[in-house]
Protein backbone atom coordinates (compact mmCIF):
# COMPACT_ATOMS: atom_id res chain seq x y z
CA UNK A 1 101.32 113.69 90.62
CA UNK A 2 104.36 115.21 90.49
CA UNK A 3 105.35 117.80 93.82
CA UNK A 4 105.82 121.25 92.88
CA UNK A 5 108.48 123.01 95.11
CA UNK A 6 107.79 126.25 96.42
CA UNK A 7 110.66 128.24 97.07
CA UNK A 8 109.09 130.87 99.73
CA UNK A 9 109.62 132.17 103.60
CA UNK A 10 106.30 134.05 103.29
CA UNK A 11 103.89 132.45 105.66
CA UNK A 12 101.13 134.26 103.33
CA UNK A 13 102.51 132.18 100.44
CA UNK A 14 103.17 129.10 102.74
CA UNK A 15 99.32 129.23 103.02
CA UNK A 16 98.33 129.42 99.90
CA UNK A 17 100.41 126.78 98.61
CA UNK A 18 98.83 124.52 101.35
CA UNK A 19 95.51 124.58 100.13
CA UNK A 20 96.66 123.38 96.78
CA UNK A 21 96.83 119.84 95.88
CA UNK A 22 100.43 118.05 95.44
CA UNK A 23 102.60 120.76 96.49
CA UNK A 24 105.78 121.26 98.48
CA UNK A 25 107.37 124.41 100.38
CA UNK A 26 110.85 124.65 100.47
CA UNK A 27 112.91 127.50 102.82
CA UNK A 28 116.39 127.77 101.18
CA UNK A 29 119.34 128.28 104.11
CA UNK A 30 122.35 127.48 101.68
CA UNK A 31 124.94 130.74 101.43
CA UNK A 32 128.18 129.24 101.85
CA UNK A 33 129.96 130.11 98.80
CA UNK A 34 127.23 130.47 96.40
CA UNK A 35 127.46 134.20 95.42
CA UNK A 36 130.93 133.32 94.01
CA UNK A 37 129.67 130.32 92.52
CA UNK A 38 127.06 132.19 90.52
CA UNK A 39 128.95 136.04 89.85
CA UNK A 40 127.57 137.11 87.24
CA UNK A 41 124.52 135.28 86.39
CA UNK A 42 120.92 136.51 87.04
CA UNK A 43 120.53 133.19 89.35
CA UNK A 44 118.44 133.60 93.19
CA UNK A 45 120.51 133.60 96.01
CA UNK A 46 118.60 133.12 99.10
CA UNK A 47 117.56 135.77 102.21
CA UNK A 48 116.01 132.90 104.40
CA UNK A 49 117.03 132.63 107.74
CA UNK A 50 116.63 129.91 110.01
CA UNK A 51 113.31 131.22 112.11
CA UNK A 52 111.46 130.99 108.54
CA UNK A 53 111.20 127.47 108.65
CA UNK A 54 109.42 127.82 111.41
CA UNK A 55 107.21 130.51 110.32
CA UNK A 56 106.61 128.58 107.53
CA UNK A 57 105.62 125.11 108.77
CA UNK A 58 103.53 127.00 111.45
CA UNK A 59 100.70 127.48 108.28
CA UNK A 60 100.97 123.94 107.24
CA UNK A 61 98.11 121.54 107.38
CA UNK A 62 99.27 118.75 104.87
CA UNK A 63 101.92 120.15 102.76
CA UNK A 64 105.26 118.66 103.54
CA UNK A 65 108.27 120.95 104.17
CA UNK A 66 111.33 120.67 102.65
CA UNK A 67 114.81 122.77 103.90
CA UNK A 68 118.16 122.98 101.79
CA UNK A 69 121.10 123.76 104.41
CA UNK A 70 124.61 124.63 103.75
CA UNK A 71 127.28 122.30 101.94
CA UNK A 72 128.76 120.04 104.27
CA UNK A 73 130.80 121.98 107.36
CA UNK A 74 131.88 121.87 110.59
CA UNK A 75 128.36 123.38 111.41
CA UNK A 76 126.67 121.00 109.70
CA UNK A 77 125.51 119.47 112.78
CA UNK A 78 124.02 121.98 115.16
CA UNK A 79 122.51 123.72 111.58
CA UNK A 80 120.40 120.29 111.27
CA UNK A 81 119.45 120.29 114.94
CA UNK A 82 118.20 123.99 114.40
CA UNK A 83 115.95 123.26 111.47
CA UNK A 84 114.56 119.86 112.92
CA UNK A 85 113.52 121.59 116.36
CA UNK A 86 111.64 124.15 113.98
CA UNK A 87 109.26 120.70 111.90
CA UNK A 88 111.37 120.41 108.78
CA UNK A 89 110.12 117.25 107.30
CA UNK A 90 113.18 116.37 105.27
CA UNK A 91 116.53 118.33 105.01
CA UNK A 92 118.70 118.93 101.36
CA UNK A 93 122.09 118.59 100.69
CA UNK A 94 123.84 120.85 98.21
CA UNK A 95 126.74 120.70 96.24
CA UNK A 96 128.28 117.76 97.23
CA UNK A 97 131.22 115.90 95.49
CA UNK A 98 131.74 112.60 97.11
CA UNK A 99 129.66 109.88 98.48
CA UNK A 100 131.64 110.23 101.76
CA UNK A 101 130.65 113.73 101.76
CA UNK A 102 126.68 112.53 101.35
CA UNK A 103 127.31 109.51 104.15
CA UNK A 104 128.54 111.68 106.29
CA UNK A 105 125.85 113.82 106.08
CA UNK A 106 122.92 111.05 106.31
CA UNK A 107 125.10 110.22 109.37
CA UNK A 108 124.25 113.64 111.42
CA UNK A 109 121.09 113.23 110.30
CA UNK A 110 120.56 109.75 111.74
CA UNK A 111 117.11 108.60 110.69
CA UNK A 112 115.25 111.85 112.04
CA UNK A 113 113.79 112.75 108.42
CA UNK A 114 114.47 111.57 105.05
CA UNK A 115 117.59 113.31 103.07
CA UNK A 116 117.41 114.26 99.96
CA UNK A 117 120.51 114.74 97.68
CA UNK A 118 121.10 117.62 95.98
CA UNK A 119 122.61 116.30 92.23
CA UNK A 120 124.53 119.65 90.78
CA UNK A 121 128.42 118.47 90.65
CA UNK A 122 130.08 116.66 88.13
CA UNK A 123 131.77 114.03 90.36
CA UNK A 124 128.25 113.51 91.92
CA UNK A 125 126.75 112.67 88.36
CA UNK A 126 130.01 110.40 88.06
CA UNK A 127 129.87 108.59 91.35
CA UNK A 128 126.23 108.31 90.95
CA UNK A 129 126.20 104.41 91.76
CA UNK A 130 128.39 105.11 95.00
CA UNK A 131 125.68 106.65 96.46
CA UNK A 132 123.15 106.14 95.41
CA UNK A 133 122.44 103.51 97.75
CA UNK A 134 123.15 105.67 101.06
CA UNK A 135 121.05 104.83 103.99
CA UNK A 136 118.35 107.16 104.50
CA UNK A 137 118.52 109.13 101.32
CA UNK A 138 114.95 109.33 100.04
CA UNK A 139 115.27 111.81 96.43
CA UNK A 140 117.37 112.92 94.35
CA UNK A 141 116.84 116.05 92.94
CA UNK A 142 118.93 116.98 90.31
CA UNK A 143 120.11 120.91 90.03
CA UNK A 144 120.68 121.68 86.61
CA UNK A 145 121.43 125.16 87.09
CA UNK A 146 124.86 124.50 88.83
CA UNK A 147 125.29 120.79 87.14
CA UNK A 148 125.35 122.84 84.15
CA UNK A 149 128.21 124.96 85.22
CA UNK A 150 129.85 122.18 86.29
CA UNK A 151 129.57 120.21 82.79
CA UNK A 152 131.29 123.05 80.87
CA UNK A 153 127.90 123.55 79.21
CA UNK A 154 126.57 126.94 78.46
CA UNK A 155 122.75 126.01 78.88
CA UNK A 156 121.30 125.28 81.61
CA UNK A 157 118.99 122.25 80.03
CA UNK A 158 121.83 120.67 77.96
CA UNK A 159 122.28 118.04 80.51
CA UNK A 160 118.47 117.23 79.53
CA UNK A 161 119.61 116.92 76.10
CA UNK A 162 122.28 115.12 76.24
CA UNK A 163 119.95 111.94 77.66
CA UNK A 164 122.13 112.53 81.55
CA UNK A 165 119.11 112.91 82.93
CA UNK A 166 117.72 109.47 81.13
CA UNK A 167 120.55 107.79 83.48
CA UNK A 168 119.90 109.55 86.13
CA UNK A 169 116.04 108.71 86.52
CA UNK A 170 116.50 105.28 85.83
CA UNK A 171 119.39 104.69 88.33
CA UNK A 172 117.26 106.66 91.05
CA UNK A 173 114.22 104.85 90.52
CA UNK A 174 115.63 101.69 90.49
CA UNK A 175 117.02 102.18 93.88
CA UNK A 176 112.95 102.88 95.21
CA UNK A 177 113.62 106.15 95.09
CA UNK A 178 112.11 109.57 94.30
CA UNK A 179 113.87 111.67 91.27
CA UNK A 180 113.27 115.24 90.48
CA UNK A 181 115.03 118.12 88.55
CA UNK A 182 115.63 121.50 87.64
CA UNK A 183 112.51 124.38 87.15
CA UNK A 184 109.47 125.34 85.15
CA UNK A 185 108.59 128.79 84.09
CA UNK A 186 104.65 128.70 83.15
CA UNK A 187 103.51 126.36 80.53
CA UNK A 188 103.57 128.93 77.31
CA UNK A 189 106.83 130.69 78.57
CA UNK A 190 110.35 129.97 78.71
CA UNK A 191 113.55 129.52 76.45
CA UNK A 192 112.58 125.94 76.94
CA UNK A 193 108.68 126.86 77.43
CA UNK A 194 107.21 125.34 80.42
CA UNK A 195 105.03 122.53 79.26
CA UNK A 196 108.21 120.90 77.29
CA UNK A 197 109.62 120.91 80.40
CA UNK A 198 106.69 119.12 82.43
CA UNK A 199 106.47 117.11 78.73
CA UNK A 200 110.19 115.56 79.91
CA UNK A 201 109.40 116.04 83.78
CA UNK A 202 106.75 112.84 82.64
CA UNK A 203 108.95 111.01 80.51
CA UNK A 204 111.54 110.63 83.22
CA UNK A 205 109.06 109.39 85.83
CA UNK A 206 109.73 112.59 87.47
CA UNK A 207 108.27 113.14 90.94
CA UNK A 208 109.60 116.76 91.57
CA UNK A 209 109.92 119.95 90.09
CA UNK A 210 110.56 124.05 91.39
CA UNK A 211 108.47 126.60 90.21
CA UNK A 212 111.00 128.89 89.02
CA UNK A 213 111.58 132.39 89.75
CA UNK A 214 110.13 132.53 85.85
CA UNK A 215 106.94 131.36 86.48
CA UNK A 216 105.79 134.53 89.42
CA UNK A 217 105.60 137.74 87.01
CA UNK A 218 108.24 140.22 88.76
CA UNK A 219 105.55 142.69 88.07
CA UNK A 220 102.97 140.49 90.65
CA UNK A 221 103.38 141.36 94.06
CA UNK A 222 99.67 139.84 95.16
CA UNK A 223 99.63 136.10 94.05
CA UNK A 224 96.24 135.69 94.87
CA UNK A 225 95.08 138.23 92.65
CA UNK A 226 97.29 137.96 89.59
CA UNK A 227 95.69 134.12 89.20
CA UNK A 228 99.19 131.83 90.92
CA UNK A 229 96.25 129.03 91.74
CA UNK A 230 95.08 129.17 88.13
CA UNK A 231 98.39 128.66 86.53
CA UNK A 232 99.18 125.69 89.03
CA UNK A 233 95.58 124.16 88.40
CA UNK A 234 96.87 125.00 84.22
CA UNK A 235 100.39 122.99 85.24
CA UNK A 236 98.26 120.03 86.61
CA UNK A 237 96.14 119.95 83.63
CA UNK A 238 99.33 119.62 81.42
CA UNK A 239 100.62 116.92 83.84
CA UNK A 240 97.60 114.83 83.36
CA UNK A 241 97.34 114.95 79.34
CA UNK A 242 100.76 114.87 78.60
CA UNK A 243 100.68 111.29 80.36
CA UNK A 244 98.13 110.08 78.60
CA UNK A 245 100.56 110.85 75.32
CA UNK A 246 100.94 107.31 73.42
CA UNK A 247 104.76 106.34 73.57
CA UNK A 248 105.37 107.29 69.81
CA UNK A 249 103.97 110.69 70.91
CA UNK A 250 106.36 110.61 73.85
CA UNK A 251 109.68 109.96 71.83
CA UNK A 252 108.38 112.54 69.20
CA UNK A 253 108.10 115.24 71.80
CA UNK A 254 111.67 114.29 73.24
CA UNK A 255 113.30 114.23 69.73
CA UNK A 256 111.55 117.59 69.19
CA UNK A 257 112.71 118.95 72.59
CA UNK A 258 116.03 117.99 72.54
CA UNK A 259 115.94 119.68 69.00
CA UNK A 260 115.28 123.15 70.69
CA UNK A 261 117.63 122.66 73.72
CA UNK A 262 120.36 122.19 71.24
CA UNK A 263 119.29 125.12 68.95
CA UNK A 264 119.08 127.89 71.90
CA UNK A 265 122.43 126.36 72.96
CA UNK A 266 124.09 126.91 69.77
CA UNK A 267 122.33 130.14 69.69
CA UNK A 268 123.82 131.53 73.04
CA UNK A 269 127.31 130.35 72.12
CA UNK A 270 126.88 132.34 68.93
CA UNK A 271 125.66 135.38 70.65
CA UNK A 272 128.97 134.87 73.37
CA UNK A 273 130.57 135.00 70.44
CA UNK A 274 129.70 137.85 68.42
CA UNK A 275 129.90 139.65 72.35
CA UNK A 276 133.95 138.78 72.61
CA UNK A 277 134.66 139.79 68.86
């Protein structure tokens, strides 16, 4: 069973997720440079605050709490002290580019909790072999939103279609670490439907995926009233079903999904060109 990651600072939502199996809560404190990096894109800029770590943690009985902090900076030590005092079970470092940055971060954590590396830059991807053995590292999560931009791709899932995540998964898991990537919509929704994204997670041995913003319909103010639990249960059933595929079925799905991603990417290029004409 892979972890479904729910980004939230809402104690009620945290409590609802904690009642479901295999959920991990995610407080997102990253703000440094994010607005400029993702300007003009329909992406999420977190408004979470350090005190939200303790508020969410107080609601959890069995789920783990991960906190994404800011990229390495002069205040990293103080930032880590704050979130760890409030009960973070793991900490995620975003936007690192060099092995030295990740190793410096791990030294500051000093074994107090596991470290999660958020691989989302081309430099981090190309230097994977030089940092995957970082002491204290427990998991590598590939952030497709920023990674595809760093690689010059036009569509978030292009690195998946290009086979880049195959290499990352193989290397990370051979090191004995957990691997995860990206976000997922509801099963039958999205440019790449959630079921297809989940199929690739199962194929690659992924241990974690974020429930994306599109998993929660904007009009749904009350998750309980609109079947959040049912949607998560549907994902779980699909995960079980996909794990039973034959090797031939897995390969057929992989080829079909790659074709779908390439088609969507080409369509986006055409629309962009038409818009500039």
